[in-house]
Amino acid sequence: MPKVLSMKQNQNDSVIIDFFNRLINMGVHPDLPIIESRRVKMLNIIALFCTPFILMFLGVNFFQQRWILTTLNLVNFSSLLLLFWMHRCGRYLAAKWVRIILSVSVYTASGLLYHNGTEYCLIGTLVISILVFDNKWAITGLSILITAAILAVTNFHIALPQIEPILPVRVHIIIVVSLLFIIVTICFYKRIQYDYQKEIEAKQQSLLVMNRDKERLLSIVSHDIRGPLLSLEHTLHLYCNDLIGKEDVLEASESIRKKVSHLNNTVEILLQWSTSGMQGIQTHPRYFSLLDLANEVVSFFEFIVQQKKITVNVGIPAHLGLFADRDQMAVVFRNLFSNALKFSYMKGEVDIVGALVDQDIVVSVKDRGMGMDEKVKEKLFNIQQAPSYGTNGERGIGLGLLLSREFVVRNNGNIQVQSSVGNGTCFQLRFRQAGGNQPVPAAV
């Protein structure tokens, strides 16, 4: 029985907390500017802070048959309800004006009739007016109006025969509550400004890092692009001016072809990476044969495989399929296989292996080439990595691995690497399959 009561109590607490959270965030939505959403939230919190005190004075005045004060308390309470309703309807500016004008009217009338310390409430209203408005004319006008109201309350008194004076203890309570109201308002607004400043500083730091990375990336890419173009331009210049013969041109053409091929690959990766960074690439998963994709990638690099006399071992079952975006996975496989070839020695071996492990699809691309140390591995998926060079001097900028990791993550997978200097490198892809292994078409 106590356990049941405890569960009910927890449920009740949860309902109450949820109710107050909804009130505090009334009218706050993602489309609002950050500073405006914080102001709306601040006004909601202030309204909640004032509500119990206004209701308390409303009840006391009602039982003491102070009908004028009761009416003023009702107007004040109604303005709080109206504030929440207008925030919910998205009428933020109107909500500010209605709440402030009604507050000034109520506190001025109450102070003139009862001299009950509402000048401190007016000071709090002045603070709120300055904090929630940006328009200088609105701030100036309200400041003049509220200052005049404060002067009127402190210097004038409307004596009516049916009005009994307020006890000093109630005046002290109003003064204390008003000062607490001012303190809470200023502290909350300082918190808003502090959070806003932190967010701005974080974005500035992010922009600085992005700008530094962009400059470094452009420097690396420009080096990769200029080299092949200068070689081509120089060779054509010599040939057009009859400074070299056809035999020399044929000899130089192979070197130029390699460089242009590398340039094409670099530009392709750069375009894919930049498009992905701008959220321009959409992922459309479907089942396809991993073996067909692996054979397609191996065929794509046939020239390099023959040139370096690499033995390629493809060990993927014909029935093994993957639910992912095939085009994106083709980019991943090409990048990993290209790296494996680049860092393999002449007459080396590269393995492409796939299997179903604990309902996950695991694919490995392994070479027996140069390998890398821990320092290089730590920066492998970071744009801060230095350009790398293969066994035949092939140069890369590392964007392929950045793009590959992003595509793998987009397709519900992860990528890991194992490597040591002189012992080669193994990239392992693991994909979580929602429905397990599925049949795939016999050919794609």
Protein backbone atom coordinates (compact mmCIF):
# COMPACT_ATOMS: atom_id res chain seq x y z
CA MET A 1 0.00 0.00 0.00
CA PRO A 2 2.75 2.56 0.82
CA LYS A 3 4.37 1.73 -2.55
CA VAL A 4 1.09 2.49 -4.36
CA LEU A 5 0.74 5.77 -2.47
CA SER A 6 4.33 6.66 -3.33
CA MET A 7 3.71 5.99 -7.03
CA LYS A 8 0.57 8.16 -6.97
CA GLN A 9 2.50 10.91 -5.19
CA ASN A 10 5.25 10.78 -7.83
CA GLN A 11 2.63 10.95 -10.59
CA ASN A 12 0.99 13.96 -8.94
CA ASP A 13 4.36 15.67 -8.55
CA SER A 14 5.13 14.99 -12.19
CA VAL A 15 1.79 16.49 -13.28
CA ILE A 16 2.39 19.62 -11.18
CA ILE A 17 5.94 20.06 -12.48
CA ASP A 18 4.74 19.58 -16.06
CA PHE A 19 1.98 22.17 -15.50
CA PHE A 20 4.42 24.78 -14.21
CA ASN A 21 6.90 24.06 -17.02
CA ARG A 22 4.16 24.65 -19.57
CA LEU A 23 3.24 27.94 -17.91
CA ILE A 24 6.87 29.09 -17.77
CA ASN A 25 7.36 28.24 -21.47
CA MET A 26 3.98 29.54 -22.61
CA GLY A 27 4.46 31.16 -26.02
CA VAL A 28 8.11 30.09 -26.32
CA HIS A 29 8.82 28.28 -29.60
CA PRO A 30 11.91 27.67 -31.80
CA ASP A 31 10.99 30.36 -34.34
CA LEU A 32 11.37 33.14 -31.77
CA PRO A 33 14.70 34.99 -31.61
CA ILE A 34 16.75 33.84 -28.63
CA ILE A 35 16.58 37.11 -26.69
CA GLU A 36 12.83 37.48 -27.29
CA SER A 37 12.10 33.91 -26.17
CA ARG A 38 14.05 34.56 -22.97
CA ARG A 39 12.06 37.75 -22.35
CA VAL A 40 8.78 35.88 -22.81
CA LYS A 41 9.98 33.25 -20.38
CA MET A 42 11.07 35.95 -17.91
CA LEU A 43 7.63 37.61 -18.02
CA ASN A 44 5.97 34.22 -17.45
CA ILE A 45 8.17 33.52 -14.42
CA ILE A 46 7.52 37.00 -12.99
CA ALA A 47 3.77 36.47 -13.47
CA LEU A 48 3.98 33.16 -11.60
CA PHE A 49 6.02 34.84 -8.85
CA CYS A 50 3.38 37.59 -8.42
CA THR A 51 0.30 35.34 -8.61
CA PRO A 52 0.30 33.89 -5.04
CA PHE A 53 0.84 37.32 -3.45
CA ILE A 54 -1.90 38.96 -5.53
CA LEU A 55 -4.31 36.12 -4.67
CA MET A 56 -3.37 36.40 -0.99
CA PHE A 57 -4.10 40.15 -0.90
CA LEU A 58 -7.26 39.54 -2.95
CA GLY A 59 -8.56 37.11 -0.33
CA VAL A 60 -7.62 39.31 2.62
CA ASN A 61 -9.22 42.40 1.08
CA PHE A 62 -12.34 40.46 0.15
CA PHE A 63 -12.88 39.18 3.72
CA GLN A 64 -12.14 42.64 5.13
CA GLN A 65 -14.70 44.06 2.67
CA ARG A 66 -12.22 46.45 1.09
CA TRP A 67 -14.07 46.44 -2.21
CA ILE A 68 -11.91 48.99 -4.02
CA LEU A 69 -8.70 47.09 -3.22
CA THR A 70 -10.44 43.81 -4.08
CA THR A 71 -11.39 45.21 -7.48
CA LEU A 72 -7.84 46.46 -8.08
CA ASN A 73 -6.46 43.03 -7.11
CA LEU A 74 -8.89 41.37 -9.51
CA VAL A 75 -7.76 43.65 -12.33
CA ASN A 76 -4.12 42.89 -11.51
CA PHE A 77 -4.75 39.14 -11.45
CA SER A 78 -6.73 39.32 -14.70
CA SER A 79 -3.77 41.06 -16.37
CA LEU A 80 -1.58 38.09 -15.43
CA LEU A 81 -4.04 35.63 -16.99
CA LEU A 82 -4.26 37.88 -20.04
CA LEU A 83 -0.45 37.86 -20.31
CA PHE A 84 -0.35 34.05 -20.51
CA TRP A 85 -3.20 33.96 -23.02
CA MET A 86 -1.60 36.58 -25.28
CA HIS A 87 1.77 34.79 -25.12
CA ARG A 88 0.02 31.59 -26.15
CA CYS A 89 -1.53 33.43 -29.11
CA GLY A 90 1.84 34.87 -30.09
CA ARG A 91 0.86 38.49 -29.37
CA TYR A 92 4.05 39.27 -27.49
CA LEU A 93 4.25 43.05 -27.93
CA ALA A 94 0.59 43.55 -27.00
CA ALA A 95 1.09 41.35 -23.93
CA LYS A 96 3.90 43.60 -22.70
CA TRP A 97 1.88 46.79 -23.15
CA VAL A 98 -1.30 45.42 -21.56
CA ARG A 99 0.52 44.03 -18.53
CA ILE A 100 2.60 47.17 -17.91
CA ILE A 101 -0.22 49.71 -18.45
CA LEU A 102 -2.63 47.77 -16.20
CA SER A 103 0.09 47.35 -13.55
CA VAL A 104 0.86 51.07 -13.56
CA SER A 105 -2.85 51.91 -13.33
CA VAL A 106 -3.53 49.48 -10.47
CA TYR A 107 -0.45 50.40 -8.41
CA THR A 108 -1.00 54.14 -8.92
CA ALA A 109 -4.66 53.98 -7.88
CA SER A 110 -3.85 51.76 -4.90
CA GLY A 111 -1.03 54.04 -3.77
CA LEU A 112 -3.03 57.24 -4.10
CA LEU A 113 -5.95 55.80 -2.13
CA TYR A 114 -4.14 53.75 0.53
CA HIS A 115 -0.45 54.80 0.62
CA ASN A 116 0.36 51.08 0.89
CA GLY A 117 3.91 51.05 -0.52
CA THR A 118 2.98 50.44 -4.16
CA GLU A 119 5.61 52.98 -5.25
CA TYR A 120 8.03 50.06 -4.91
CA CYS A 121 5.77 48.01 -7.19
CA LEU A 122 5.96 50.87 -9.68
CA ILE A 123 9.76 50.84 -9.47
CA GLY A 124 9.66 47.12 -10.29
CA THR A 125 7.35 47.83 -13.24
CA LEU A 126 9.80 50.48 -14.46
CA VAL A 127 12.65 47.95 -14.33
CA ILE A 128 10.57 45.45 -16.32
CA SER A 129 9.70 48.11 -18.91
CA ILE A 130 13.35 48.92 -19.50
CA LEU A 131 14.29 45.24 -19.80
CA VAL A 132 11.55 44.00 -22.14
CA PHE A 133 11.44 46.84 -24.67
CA ASP A 134 14.03 47.71 -27.32
CA ASN A 135 12.31 50.77 -28.79
CA LYS A 136 13.85 53.87 -27.23
CA TRP A 137 10.62 55.87 -27.56
CA ALA A 138 8.64 53.18 -25.75
CA ILE A 139 11.23 53.07 -22.96
CA THR A 140 11.34 56.87 -22.70
CA GLY A 141 7.56 57.23 -22.65
CA LEU A 142 7.02 54.51 -20.04
CA SER A 143 9.87 55.85 -17.90
CA ILE A 144 8.27 59.31 -17.83
CA LEU A 145 4.81 57.85 -17.12
CA ILE A 146 5.96 55.55 -14.32
CA THR A 147 8.21 58.22 -12.77
CA ALA A 148 5.25 60.59 -12.70
CA ALA A 149 3.13 57.87 -11.08
CA ILE A 150 5.78 57.28 -8.40
CA LEU A 151 5.98 61.00 -7.64
CA ALA A 152 2.19 61.19 -7.46
CA VAL A 153 1.94 58.22 -5.08
CA THR A 154 4.64 59.54 -2.75
CA ASN A 155 3.42 63.15 -2.67
CA PHE A 156 -0.35 62.99 -2.97
CA HIS A 157 -3.12 61.17 -1.13
CA ILE A 158 -6.79 60.92 -2.06
CA ALA A 159 -8.77 60.75 1.17
CA LEU A 160 -12.18 59.10 0.91
CA PRO A 161 -14.38 58.74 4.01
CA GLN A 162 -15.24 55.08 3.36
CA ILE A 163 -11.58 54.04 3.02
CA GLU A 164 -9.84 52.70 6.12
CA PRO A 165 -6.04 52.99 6.29
CA ILE A 166 -3.85 49.94 5.67
CA LEU A 167 -2.02 48.43 8.65
CA PRO A 168 1.77 49.13 8.65
CA VAL A 169 2.56 45.39 8.59
CA ARG A 170 0.80 45.04 5.22
CA VAL A 171 2.73 48.00 3.84
CA HIS A 172 5.99 46.35 4.96
CA ILE A 173 4.96 43.08 3.31
CA ILE A 174 4.24 44.89 0.02
CA ILE A 175 7.61 46.69 0.17
CA VAL A 176 9.52 43.44 0.87
CA VAL A 177 7.68 41.56 -1.90
CA SER A 178 8.31 44.43 -4.34
CA LEU A 179 12.02 44.49 -3.57
CA LEU A 180 12.19 40.70 -3.95
CA PHE A 181 10.40 41.08 -7.27
CA ILE A 182 13.01 43.59 -8.46
CA ILE A 183 15.90 41.39 -7.30
CA VAL A 184 14.48 38.27 -9.00
CA THR A 185 13.84 40.20 -12.23
CA ILE A 186 17.35 41.66 -12.42
CA CYS A 187 19.02 38.34 -11.51
CA PHE A 188 17.00 36.46 -14.13
CA TYR A 189 17.75 39.04 -16.80
CA LYS A 190 21.47 38.91 -15.93
CA ARG A 191 21.24 35.14 -16.37
CA ILE A 192 19.60 35.64 -19.77
CA GLN A 193 22.36 37.99 -20.85
CA TYR A 194 25.05 35.65 -19.52
CA ASP A 195 23.63 32.65 -21.43
CA TYR A 196 23.21 34.76 -24.54
CA GLN A 197 26.80 36.00 -24.29
CA LYS A 198 28.08 32.45 -23.81
CA GLU A 199 26.17 31.31 -26.88
CA ILE A 200 27.58 34.18 -28.94
CA GLU A 201 31.13 33.44 -27.77
CA ALA A 202 30.70 29.74 -28.58
CA LYS A 203 29.48 30.59 -32.09
CA GLN A 204 32.34 33.04 -32.56
CA GLN A 205 34.83 30.37 -31.52
CA SER A 206 33.19 27.88 -33.87
CA LEU A 207 33.39 30.39 -36.73
CA LEU A 208 37.08 31.02 -35.99
CA VAL A 209 37.80 27.28 -36.09
CA MET A 210 35.78 26.86 -39.30
CA ASN A 211 37.57 29.80 -40.90
CA ARG A 212 40.97 28.42 -39.90
CA ASP A 213 40.04 24.98 -41.25
CA LYS A 214 38.74 26.55 -44.46
CA GLU A 215 41.99 28.46 -45.01
CA ARG A 216 44.05 25.35 -44.36
CA LEU A 217 41.84 23.26 -46.63
CA LEU A 218 42.06 25.79 -49.46
CA SER A 219 45.82 25.88 -49.08
CA ILE A 220 46.08 22.10 -49.35
CA VAL A 221 43.60 21.80 -52.21
CA SER A 222 45.24 24.61 -54.16
CA HIS A 223 48.55 22.76 -53.91
CA ASP A 224 46.93 19.56 -55.21
CA ILE A 225 45.23 21.37 -58.07
CA ARG A 226 48.14 23.57 -59.17
CA GLY A 227 50.68 20.72 -59.46
CA PRO A 228 49.01 18.71 -62.26
CA LEU A 229 47.86 21.84 -64.10
CA LEU A 230 51.36 23.37 -64.07
CA SER A 231 52.86 20.11 -65.31
CA LEU A 232 50.32 19.91 -68.11
CA GLU A 233 50.80 23.57 -69.01
CA HIS A 234 54.60 23.24 -69.04
CA THR A 235 54.54 20.10 -71.21
CA LEU A 236 52.12 21.63 -73.70
CA HIS A 237 54.22 24.81 -73.82
CA LEU A 238 57.34 22.82 -74.67
CA TYR A 239 55.51 20.77 -77.29
CA CYS A 240 53.85 23.81 -78.94
CA ASN A 241 57.23 25.55 -79.22
CA ASP A 242 58.90 22.43 -80.69
CA LEU A 243 61.19 22.16 -77.66
CA ILE A 244 60.40 18.45 -77.20
CA GLY A 245 59.47 15.72 -79.63
CA LYS A 246 56.53 13.39 -79.75
CA GLU A 247 58.49 10.64 -77.99
CA ASP A 248 59.15 12.88 -75.00
CA VAL A 249 55.51 13.97 -74.95
CA LEU A 250 54.39 10.33 -74.84
CA GLU A 251 56.82 9.65 -72.03
CA ALA A 252 55.59 12.67 -70.04
CA SER A 253 51.91 11.97 -70.76
CA GLU A 254 51.80 8.96 -68.41
CA SER A 255 53.02 11.06 -65.50
CA ILE A 256 50.58 13.83 -66.37
CA ARG A 257 47.74 11.31 -66.68
CA LYS A 258 48.40 10.05 -63.14
CA LYS A 259 48.38 13.58 -61.77
CA VAL A 260 45.20 14.54 -63.61
CA SER A 261 43.54 11.34 -62.39
CA HIS A 262 44.51 12.21 -58.83
CA LEU A 263 43.26 15.77 -59.38
CA ASN A 264 39.91 14.49 -60.61
CA ASN A 265 39.56 12.25 -57.55
CA THR A 266 40.47 15.14 -55.22
CA VAL A 267 37.94 17.50 -56.80
CA GLU A 268 35.22 14.83 -56.69
CA ILE A 269 35.79 14.18 -52.99
CA LEU A 270 35.96 17.90 -52.25
CA LEU A 271 32.64 18.54 -54.00
CA GLN A 272 30.95 15.63 -52.22
CA TRP A 273 32.33 16.71 -48.85
CA SER A 274 31.30 20.36 -49.27
CA THR A 275 27.82 19.39 -50.51
CA SER A 276 27.40 17.07 -47.54
CA GLY A 277 28.50 19.86 -45.18
CA MET A 278 25.77 22.11 -46.61
CA GLN A 279 23.14 19.42 -45.92
CA GLY A 280 22.70 18.96 -49.65
CA ILE A 281 23.03 15.16 -49.71
CA GLN A 282 19.99 13.04 -48.92
CA THR A 283 20.21 9.44 -47.73
CA HIS A 284 17.89 6.95 -49.47
CA PRO A 285 18.54 3.45 -48.06
CA ARG A 286 17.65 0.21 -49.86
CA TYR A 287 18.91 -3.36 -49.87
CA PHE A 288 21.74 -4.16 -52.23
CA SER A 289 24.45 -6.79 -52.71
CA LEU A 290 27.73 -6.03 -50.93
CA LEU A 291 29.61 -8.42 -53.23
CA ASP A 292 28.39 -6.59 -56.34
CA LEU A 293 29.46 -3.26 -54.86
CA ALA A 294 32.89 -4.57 -53.86
CA ASN A 295 33.52 -6.01 -57.34
CA GLU A 296 32.41 -2.72 -58.89
CA VAL A 297 34.89 -0.76 -56.75
CA VAL A 298 37.76 -3.15 -57.49
CA SER A 299 37.03 -2.85 -61.21
CA PHE A 300 37.06 0.95 -60.89
CA PHE A 301 40.69 0.86 -59.65
CA GLU A 302 41.84 -1.88 -62.03
CA PHE A 303 44.59 0.25 -63.57
CA ILE A 304 46.19 1.08 -60.20
CA VAL A 305 45.86 -2.54 -59.06
CA GLN A 306 47.73 -3.73 -62.18
CA GLN A 307 50.29 -0.94 -61.98
CA LYS A 308 51.29 -1.78 -58.39
CA LYS A 309 50.67 -5.52 -58.96
CA ILE A 310 48.36 -5.70 -55.94
CA THR A 311 46.54 -8.93 -55.14
CA VAL A 312 42.94 -8.16 -54.17
CA ASN A 313 41.04 -10.76 -52.13
CA VAL A 314 37.28 -10.25 -51.99
CA GLY A 315 35.65 -12.42 -49.30
CA ILE A 316 32.01 -11.41 -49.19
CA PRO A 317 29.20 -14.00 -49.35
CA ALA A 318 26.99 -13.61 -52.42
CA HIS A 319 23.83 -13.57 -50.29
CA LEU A 320 25.05 -10.83 -47.91
CA GLY A 321 23.08 -7.61 -48.36
CA LEU A 322 23.16 -4.21 -46.70
CA PHE A 323 20.29 -1.81 -46.07
CA ALA A 324 21.87 1.58 -46.81
CA ASP A 325 22.26 4.25 -49.45
CA ARG A 326 24.15 2.43 -52.22
CA ASP A 327 25.64 5.58 -53.77
CA GLN A 328 27.01 6.75 -50.44
CA MET A 329 28.41 3.32 -49.67
CA ALA A 330 30.09 3.31 -53.08
CA VAL A 331 31.89 6.52 -52.09
CA VAL A 332 32.96 4.94 -48.77
CA PHE A 333 34.23 1.74 -50.41
CA ARG A 334 36.11 3.69 -53.09
CA ASN A 335 37.80 5.91 -50.51
CA LEU A 336 38.84 3.02 -48.27
CA PHE A 337 40.01 0.84 -51.17
CA SER A 338 41.86 3.80 -52.73
CA ASN A 339 43.69 4.39 -49.43
CA ALA A 340 44.52 0.70 -49.14
CA LEU A 341 46.07 0.74 -52.63
CA LYS A 342 47.88 4.02 -51.99
CA PHE A 343 49.62 2.75 -48.86
CA SER A 344 50.31 -0.78 -50.15
CA TYR A 345 53.77 -1.71 -51.41
CA MET A 346 54.40 -3.19 -54.84
CA LYS A 347 53.04 -6.75 -55.10
CA GLY A 348 51.12 -6.26 -51.86
CA GLU A 349 47.71 -7.61 -50.85
CA VAL A 350 44.39 -5.97 -50.01
CA ASP A 351 41.47 -7.85 -48.46
CA ILE A 352 37.80 -6.82 -48.66
CA VAL A 353 35.88 -9.06 -46.29
CA GLY A 354 32.22 -9.01 -45.22
CA ALA A 355 30.20 -11.10 -42.77
CA LEU A 356 27.11 -11.14 -40.56
CA VAL A 357 28.22 -10.82 -36.92
CA ASP A 358 25.58 -10.76 -34.15
CA GLN A 359 22.95 -9.48 -36.61
CA ASP A 360 25.32 -6.68 -37.65
CA ILE A 361 26.89 -6.36 -41.08
CA VAL A 362 30.66 -6.07 -40.69
CA VAL A 363 32.89 -5.13 -43.64
CA SER A 364 36.69 -4.83 -43.43
CA VAL A 365 39.18 -3.31 -45.88
CA LYS A 366 42.69 -4.39 -44.95
CA ASP A 367 46.08 -3.74 -46.48
CA ARG A 368 49.59 -4.87 -45.55
CA GLY A 369 51.30 -1.62 -46.30
CA MET A 370 52.90 1.30 -44.47
CA GLY A 371 50.54 1.47 -41.51
CA MET A 372 50.48 4.45 -39.14
CA ASP A 373 51.33 5.35 -35.57
CA GLU A 374 48.94 6.39 -32.80
CA LYS A 375 49.50 10.11 -33.37
CA VAL A 376 48.36 9.83 -37.00
CA LYS A 377 45.40 7.62 -36.01
CA GLU A 378 44.14 10.21 -33.53
CA LYS A 379 43.87 12.82 -36.31
CA LEU A 380 42.60 10.42 -38.95
CA PHE A 381 39.00 11.72 -39.00
CA ASN A 382 39.95 15.31 -38.26
CA ILE A 383 40.39 18.06 -40.82
CA GLN A 384 43.51 19.10 -38.90
CA GLN A 385 45.42 16.07 -40.18
CA ALA A 386 48.44 16.69 -42.40
CA PRO A 387 48.47 15.61 -46.06
CA SER A 388 49.55 11.99 -46.46
CA TYR A 389 51.77 10.34 -49.07
CA GLY A 390 51.48 6.79 -50.38
CA THR A 391 54.21 4.28 -51.19
CA ASN A 392 54.61 5.78 -54.69
CA GLY A 393 54.36 9.39 -53.49
CA GLU A 394 50.57 9.60 -54.01
CA ARG A 395 49.29 12.66 -52.15
CA GLY A 396 45.96 12.94 -50.32
CA ILE A 397 44.27 15.57 -48.17
CA GLY A 398 42.18 13.28 -45.94
CA LEU A 399 38.76 14.58 -47.00
CA GLY A 400 37.84 11.10 -48.23
CA LEU A 401 37.92 9.68 -44.69
CA LEU A 402 35.92 12.61 -43.30
CA LEU A 403 33.28 12.05 -45.96
CA SER A 404 33.35 8.28 -45.43
CA ARG A 405 32.73 8.59 -41.70
CA GLU A 406 29.82 10.97 -42.28
CA PHE A 407 28.23 8.63 -44.83
CA VAL A 408 28.69 5.61 -42.55
CA VAL A 409 27.03 7.42 -39.63
CA ARG A 410 24.19 8.58 -41.91
CA ASN A 411 23.55 4.92 -42.72
CA ASN A 412 23.28 3.71 -39.13
CA GLY A 413 26.84 2.47 -38.82
CA ASN A 414 30.24 3.22 -37.37
CA ILE A 415 33.83 3.02 -38.60
CA GLN A 416 36.91 1.85 -36.70
CA VAL A 417 40.57 1.56 -37.64
CA GLN A 418 43.40 -0.69 -36.51
CA SER A 419 46.93 0.04 -37.64
CA SER A 420 50.57 -0.04 -36.68
CA VAL A 421 53.67 1.15 -38.49
CA GLY A 422 54.90 -1.44 -40.99
CA ASN A 423 51.99 -3.83 -40.40
CA GLY A 424 49.31 -2.29 -42.56
CA THR A 425 45.87 -0.86 -41.76
CA CYS A 426 42.41 -2.33 -41.38
CA PHE A 427 39.23 -0.21 -41.60
CA GLN A 428 36.17 -1.94 -40.18
CA LEU A 429 32.60 -0.85 -40.93
CA ARG A 430 29.77 -2.10 -38.74
CA PHE A 431 26.13 -1.50 -39.65
CA ARG A 432 23.18 -2.18 -37.37
CA GLN A 433 20.46 -3.81 -39.42
CA ALA A 434 16.90 -3.16 -38.21
CA GLY A 435 15.50 -6.34 -39.71
CA GLY A 436 18.59 -8.54 -39.77
CA ASN A 437 20.04 -9.88 -43.00
CA GLN A 438 17.71 -9.64 -45.97
CA PRO A 439 17.75 -11.25 -49.39
CA VAL A 440 19.22 -9.08 -52.12
CA PRO A 441 18.91 -9.08 -55.89
CA ALA A 442 21.21 -11.50 -57.67
CA ALA A 443 22.85 -8.65 -59.53
CA VAL A 444 22.79 -4.89 -59.43
